[in-house]
Amino acid sequence: MLKEFKEFAIKGNMVDLAIGVIIGAAFGAVVGSLVKDVIMPPIAALLGGSDFSQLFVVLKEGAAAGPYATVQVALDAGAITLNYGAFINAVVSFLIVAWAVFLVVKAVNKARKPAEEAVTTKECPFCKSDIALAATRCPACTSELP
């Protein structure tokens, strides 16, 4: 088993995987900041709230009675909350990441497609053999080509 692991690590798969995880984590942090600091504040301002991630519903009052100003205050009081604002932030983050991954996959698929080869031959209408585009006679059947 150790030998198989060495072969796997030497092939570079492990290094590729580690790089992917590190870049993915960094990308996730950037997208999280984009959603939290750039996208959601204008949306929250349009909806009349100051912080979109602080939208919540109290399911059960805590030791200290509400209303609670923030999710953290509610949690500190022992209340049970449904944090739908944080969930919406997570959904927006996911959609941005999914869109970015889609664009990367689309670019990779486009790069993998082989370039279309230039057409350099045509088919003889008489013997059906392949001949050069500029040919005026078929080298196989010697027919004169139109």
C-alpha atoms as a PDB file:
ATOM      1  CA  MET A   1       0.000   0.000   0.000  1.00  0.00           C
ATOM      2  CA  LEU A   2       2.881   2.373   0.790  1.00  0.00           C
ATOM      3  CA  LYS A   3       4.415   1.580  -2.602  1.00  0.00           C
ATOM      4  CA  GLU A   4       1.156   2.468  -4.373  1.00  0.00           C
ATOM      5  CA  PHE A   5       0.973   5.736  -2.426  1.00  0.00           C
ATOM      6  CA  LYS A   6       4.556   6.587  -3.463  1.00  0.00           C
ATOM      7  CA  GLU A   7       3.696   5.929  -7.116  1.00  0.00           C
ATOM      8  CA  PHE A   8       0.603   8.112  -6.804  1.00  0.00           C
ATOM      9  CA  ALA A   9       2.576  10.949  -5.186  1.00  0.00           C
ATOM     10  CA  ILE A  10       5.418  10.733  -7.699  1.00  0.00           C
ATOM     11  CA  LYS A  11       3.054  10.970 -10.677  1.00  0.00           C
ATOM     12  CA  GLY A  12       2.195  14.501  -9.596  1.00  0.00           C
ATOM     13  CA  ASN A  13      -1.462  13.804  -8.882  1.00  0.00           C
ATOM     14  CA  MET A  14      -1.030  14.656  -5.235  1.00  0.00           C
ATOM     15  CA  VAL A  15       0.705  17.938  -6.021  1.00  0.00           C
ATOM     16  CA  ASP A  16      -2.021  18.857  -8.529  1.00  0.00           C
ATOM     17  CA  LEU A  17      -4.681  18.022  -5.966  1.00  0.00           C
ATOM     18  CA  ALA A  18      -2.956  20.075  -3.251  1.00  0.00           C
ATOM     19  CA  ILE A  19      -2.638  23.076  -5.569  1.00  0.00           C
ATOM     20  CA  GLY A  20      -6.303  22.767  -6.513  1.00  0.00           C
ATOM     21  CA  VAL A  21      -7.385  22.673  -2.869  1.00  0.00           C
ATOM     22  CA  ILE A  22      -5.247  25.688  -1.956  1.00  0.00           C
ATOM     23  CA  ILE A  23      -6.474  27.750  -4.908  1.00  0.00           C
ATOM     24  CA  GLY A  24     -10.049  26.655  -4.230  1.00  0.00           C
ATOM     25  CA  ALA A  25      -9.813  27.773  -0.604  1.00  0.00           C
ATOM     26  CA  ALA A  26      -8.359  31.130  -1.616  1.00  0.00           C
ATOM     27  CA  PHE A  27     -11.021  31.547  -4.303  1.00  0.00           C
ATOM     28  CA  GLY A  28     -13.713  30.693  -1.758  1.00  0.00           C
ATOM     29  CA  ALA A  29     -12.394  33.389   0.576  1.00  0.00           C
ATOM     30  CA  VAL A  30     -12.378  35.958  -2.231  1.00  0.00           C
ATOM     31  CA  VAL A  31     -15.929  35.058  -3.277  1.00  0.00           C
ATOM     32  CA  GLY A  32     -17.078  35.135   0.359  1.00  0.00           C
ATOM     33  CA  SER A  33     -15.672  38.631   0.728  1.00  0.00           C
ATOM     34  CA  LEU A  34     -17.205  39.701  -2.584  1.00  0.00           C
ATOM     35  CA  VAL A  35     -20.636  38.554  -1.444  1.00  0.00           C
ATOM     36  CA  LYS A  36     -20.359  39.831   2.133  1.00  0.00           C
ATOM     37  CA  ASP A  37     -18.609  43.142   1.465  1.00  0.00           C
ATOM     38  CA  VAL A  38     -19.598  44.147  -2.086  1.00  0.00           C
ATOM     39  CA  ILE A  39     -22.799  42.479  -3.303  1.00  0.00           C
ATOM     40  CA  MET A  40     -24.969  42.166  -0.189  1.00  0.00           C
ATOM     41  CA  PRO A  41     -24.597  45.666   1.335  1.00  0.00           C
ATOM     42  CA  PRO A  42     -26.354  47.389  -1.612  1.00  0.00           C
ATOM     43  CA  ILE A  43     -29.065  44.718  -1.568  1.00  0.00           C
ATOM     44  CA  ALA A  44     -29.488  45.187   2.178  1.00  0.00           C
ATOM     45  CA  ALA A  45     -29.677  48.964   1.691  1.00  0.00           C
ATOM     46  CA  LEU A  46     -32.434  48.494  -0.896  1.00  0.00           C
ATOM     47  CA  LEU A  47     -34.329  46.242   1.514  1.00  0.00           C
ATOM     48  CA  GLY A  48     -33.906  48.721   4.354  1.00  0.00           C
ATOM     49  CA  GLY A  49     -31.578  46.610   6.491  1.00  0.00           C
ATOM     50  CA  SER A  50     -28.087  47.472   7.613  1.00  0.00           C
ATOM     51  CA  ASP A  51     -26.541  43.993   7.374  1.00  0.00           C
ATOM     52  CA  PHE A  52     -28.126  41.328   5.209  1.00  0.00           C
ATOM     53  CA  SER A  53     -26.457  38.480   7.104  1.00  0.00           C
ATOM     54  CA  GLN A  54     -28.278  39.615  10.263  1.00  0.00           C
ATOM     55  CA  LEU A  55     -31.713  38.704   8.925  1.00  0.00           C
ATOM     56  CA  PHE A  56     -33.132  36.024  11.190  1.00  0.00           C
ATOM     57  CA  VAL A  57     -36.294  34.727  12.802  1.00  0.00           C
ATOM     58  CA  VAL A  58     -36.416  33.766  16.485  1.00  0.00           C
ATOM     59  CA  LEU A  59     -37.811  30.245  16.801  1.00  0.00           C
ATOM     60  CA  LYS A  60     -37.538  30.065  20.584  1.00  0.00           C
ATOM     61  CA  GLU A  61     -36.821  32.871  23.053  1.00  0.00           C
ATOM     62  CA  GLY A  62     -33.678  32.632  25.150  1.00  0.00           C
ATOM     63  CA  ALA A  63     -33.167  33.315  28.864  1.00  0.00           C
ATOM     64  CA  ALA A  64     -33.281  37.043  28.183  1.00  0.00           C
ATOM     65  CA  ALA A  65     -36.426  38.042  26.314  1.00  0.00           C
ATOM     66  CA  GLY A  66     -36.125  39.603  22.837  1.00  0.00           C
ATOM     67  CA  PRO A  67     -36.218  41.474  20.576  1.00  0.00           C
ATOM     68  CA  TYR A  68     -32.614  40.764  19.663  1.00  0.00           C
ATOM     69  CA  ALA A  69     -30.629  43.247  17.601  1.00  0.00           C
ATOM     70  CA  THR A  70     -28.249  40.715  16.028  1.00  0.00           C
ATOM     71  CA  VAL A  71     -27.883  36.993  15.587  1.00  0.00           C
ATOM     72  CA  GLN A  72     -24.988  36.960  18.047  1.00  0.00           C
ATOM     73  CA  VAL A  73     -27.038  38.723  20.733  1.00  0.00           C
ATOM     74  CA  ALA A  74     -29.827  36.175  20.228  1.00  0.00           C
ATOM     75  CA  LEU A  75     -27.370  33.265  20.471  1.00  0.00           C
ATOM     76  CA  ASP A  76     -25.749  34.746  23.576  1.00  0.00           C
ATOM     77  CA  ALA A  77     -29.195  34.958  25.165  1.00  0.00           C
ATOM     78  CA  GLY A  78     -29.763  31.286  24.369  1.00  0.00           C
ATOM     79  CA  ALA A  79     -32.384  31.865  21.676  1.00  0.00           C
ATOM     80  CA  ILE A  80     -32.852  29.489  18.792  1.00  0.00           C
ATOM     81  CA  THR A  81     -32.783  31.352  15.482  1.00  0.00           C
ATOM     82  CA  LEU A  82     -33.394  30.662  11.831  1.00  0.00           C
ATOM     83  CA  ASN A  83     -30.632  32.648  10.062  1.00  0.00           C
ATOM     84  CA  TYR A  84     -32.079  33.025   6.580  1.00  0.00           C
ATOM     85  CA  GLY A  85     -29.876  36.034   5.738  1.00  0.00           C
ATOM     86  CA  ALA A  86     -26.703  33.973   6.219  1.00  0.00           C
ATOM     87  CA  PHE A  87     -28.255  31.217   4.114  1.00  0.00           C
ATOM     88  CA  ILE A  88     -29.005  33.648   1.282  1.00  0.00           C
ATOM     89  CA  ASN A  89     -25.381  34.875   1.470  1.00  0.00           C
ATOM     90  CA  ALA A  90     -24.207  31.269   1.152  1.00  0.00           C
ATOM     91  CA  VAL A  91     -26.483  30.658  -1.842  1.00  0.00           C
ATOM     92  CA  VAL A  92     -25.193  33.785  -3.612  1.00  0.00           C
ATOM     93  CA  SER A  93     -21.600  32.690  -2.886  1.00  0.00           C
ATOM     94  CA  PHE A  94     -22.330  29.245  -4.285  1.00  0.00           C
ATOM     95  CA  LEU A  95     -23.866  30.685  -7.460  1.00  0.00           C
ATOM     96  CA  ILE A  96     -20.834  32.907  -8.049  1.00  0.00           C
ATOM     97  CA  VAL A  97     -18.424  29.994  -7.518  1.00  0.00           C
ATOM     98  CA  ALA A  98     -20.523  27.720  -9.747  1.00  0.00           C
ATOM     99  CA  TRP A  99     -20.576  30.373 -12.485  1.00  0.00           C
ATOM    100  CA  ALA A 100     -16.790  30.828 -12.255  1.00  0.00           C
ATOM    101  CA  VAL A 101     -16.202  27.053 -12.367  1.00  0.00           C
ATOM    102  CA  PHE A 102     -18.526  26.816 -15.380  1.00  0.00           C
ATOM    103  CA  LEU A 103     -16.475  29.467 -17.174  1.00  0.00           C
ATOM    104  CA  VAL A 104     -13.229  27.629 -16.365  1.00  0.00           C
ATOM    105  CA  VAL A 105     -14.635  24.295 -17.579  1.00  0.00           C
ATOM    106  CA  LYS A 106     -15.919  25.966 -20.739  1.00  0.00           C
ATOM    107  CA  ALA A 107     -12.464  27.480 -21.412  1.00  0.00           C
ATOM    108  CA  VAL A 108     -10.709  24.146 -20.782  1.00  0.00           C
ATOM    109  CA  ASN A 109     -13.111  22.314 -23.094  1.00  0.00           C
ATOM    110  CA  LYS A 110     -12.531  24.923 -25.796  1.00  0.00           C
ATOM    111  CA  ALA A 111      -8.748  24.579 -25.400  1.00  0.00           C
ATOM    112  CA  ARG A 112      -8.974  20.773 -25.634  1.00  0.00           C
ATOM    113  CA  LYS A 113     -10.857  20.760 -28.947  1.00  0.00           C
ATOM    114  CA  PRO A 114      -8.484  20.066 -31.807  1.00  0.00           C
ATOM    115  CA  ALA A 115      -8.149  22.850 -34.313  1.00  0.00           C
ATOM    116  CA  GLU A 116     -10.102  22.175 -37.465  1.00  0.00           C
ATOM    117  CA  GLU A 117      -7.785  20.906 -40.147  1.00  0.00           C
ATOM    118  CA  ALA A 118      -7.654  22.849 -43.395  1.00  0.00           C
ATOM    119  CA  VAL A 119      -9.226  20.992 -46.299  1.00  0.00           C
ATOM    120  CA  THR A 120      -6.442  20.072 -48.746  1.00  0.00           C
ATOM    121  CA  THR A 121      -8.118  17.339 -50.797  1.00  0.00           C
ATOM    122  CA  LYS A 122     -11.310  16.681 -52.708  1.00  0.00           C
ATOM    123  CA  GLU A 123     -12.978  13.554 -54.017  1.00  0.00           C
ATOM    124  CA  CYS A 124     -12.770  12.538 -57.668  1.00  0.00           C
ATOM    125  CA  PRO A 125     -16.356  12.406 -59.005  1.00  0.00           C
ATOM    126  CA  PHE A 126     -15.487   9.399 -61.198  1.00  0.00           C
ATOM    127  CA  CYS A 127     -13.403   7.014 -59.071  1.00  0.00           C
ATOM    128  CA  LYS A 128     -14.043   8.523 -55.635  1.00  0.00           C
ATOM    129  CA  SER A 129     -10.347   8.687 -54.710  1.00  0.00           C
ATOM    130  CA  ASP A 130      -8.869  11.639 -52.801  1.00  0.00           C
ATOM    131  CA  ILE A 131      -6.998  14.152 -54.932  1.00  0.00           C
ATOM    132  CA  ALA A 132      -5.358  17.532 -54.345  1.00  0.00           C
ATOM    133  CA  LEU A 133      -7.635  20.567 -54.501  1.00  0.00           C
ATOM    134  CA  ALA A 134      -5.648  22.158 -57.337  1.00  0.00           C
ATOM    135  CA  ALA A 135      -5.543  18.982 -59.475  1.00  0.00           C
ATOM    136  CA  THR A 136      -7.066  19.158 -62.960  1.00  0.00           C
ATOM    137  CA  ARG A 137      -6.731  15.407 -63.616  1.00  0.00           C
ATOM    138  CA  CYS A 138      -7.254  12.499 -61.244  1.00  0.00           C
ATOM    139  CA  PRO A 139      -3.963  10.631 -60.690  1.00  0.00           C
ATOM    140  CA  ALA A 140      -5.858   7.369 -60.119  1.00  0.00           C
ATOM    141  CA  CYS A 141      -8.229   7.253 -63.091  1.00  0.00           C
ATOM    142  CA  THR A 142      -6.755  10.059 -65.247  1.00  0.00           C
ATOM    143  CA  SER A 143     -10.180  11.632 -65.708  1.00  0.00           C
ATOM    144  CA  GLU A 144     -10.247  15.305 -66.491  1.00  0.00           C
ATOM    145  CA  LEU A 145     -11.789  17.199 -63.595  1.00  0.00           C
ATOM    146  CA  PRO A 146     -14.287  20.030 -64.024  1.00  0.00           C
END
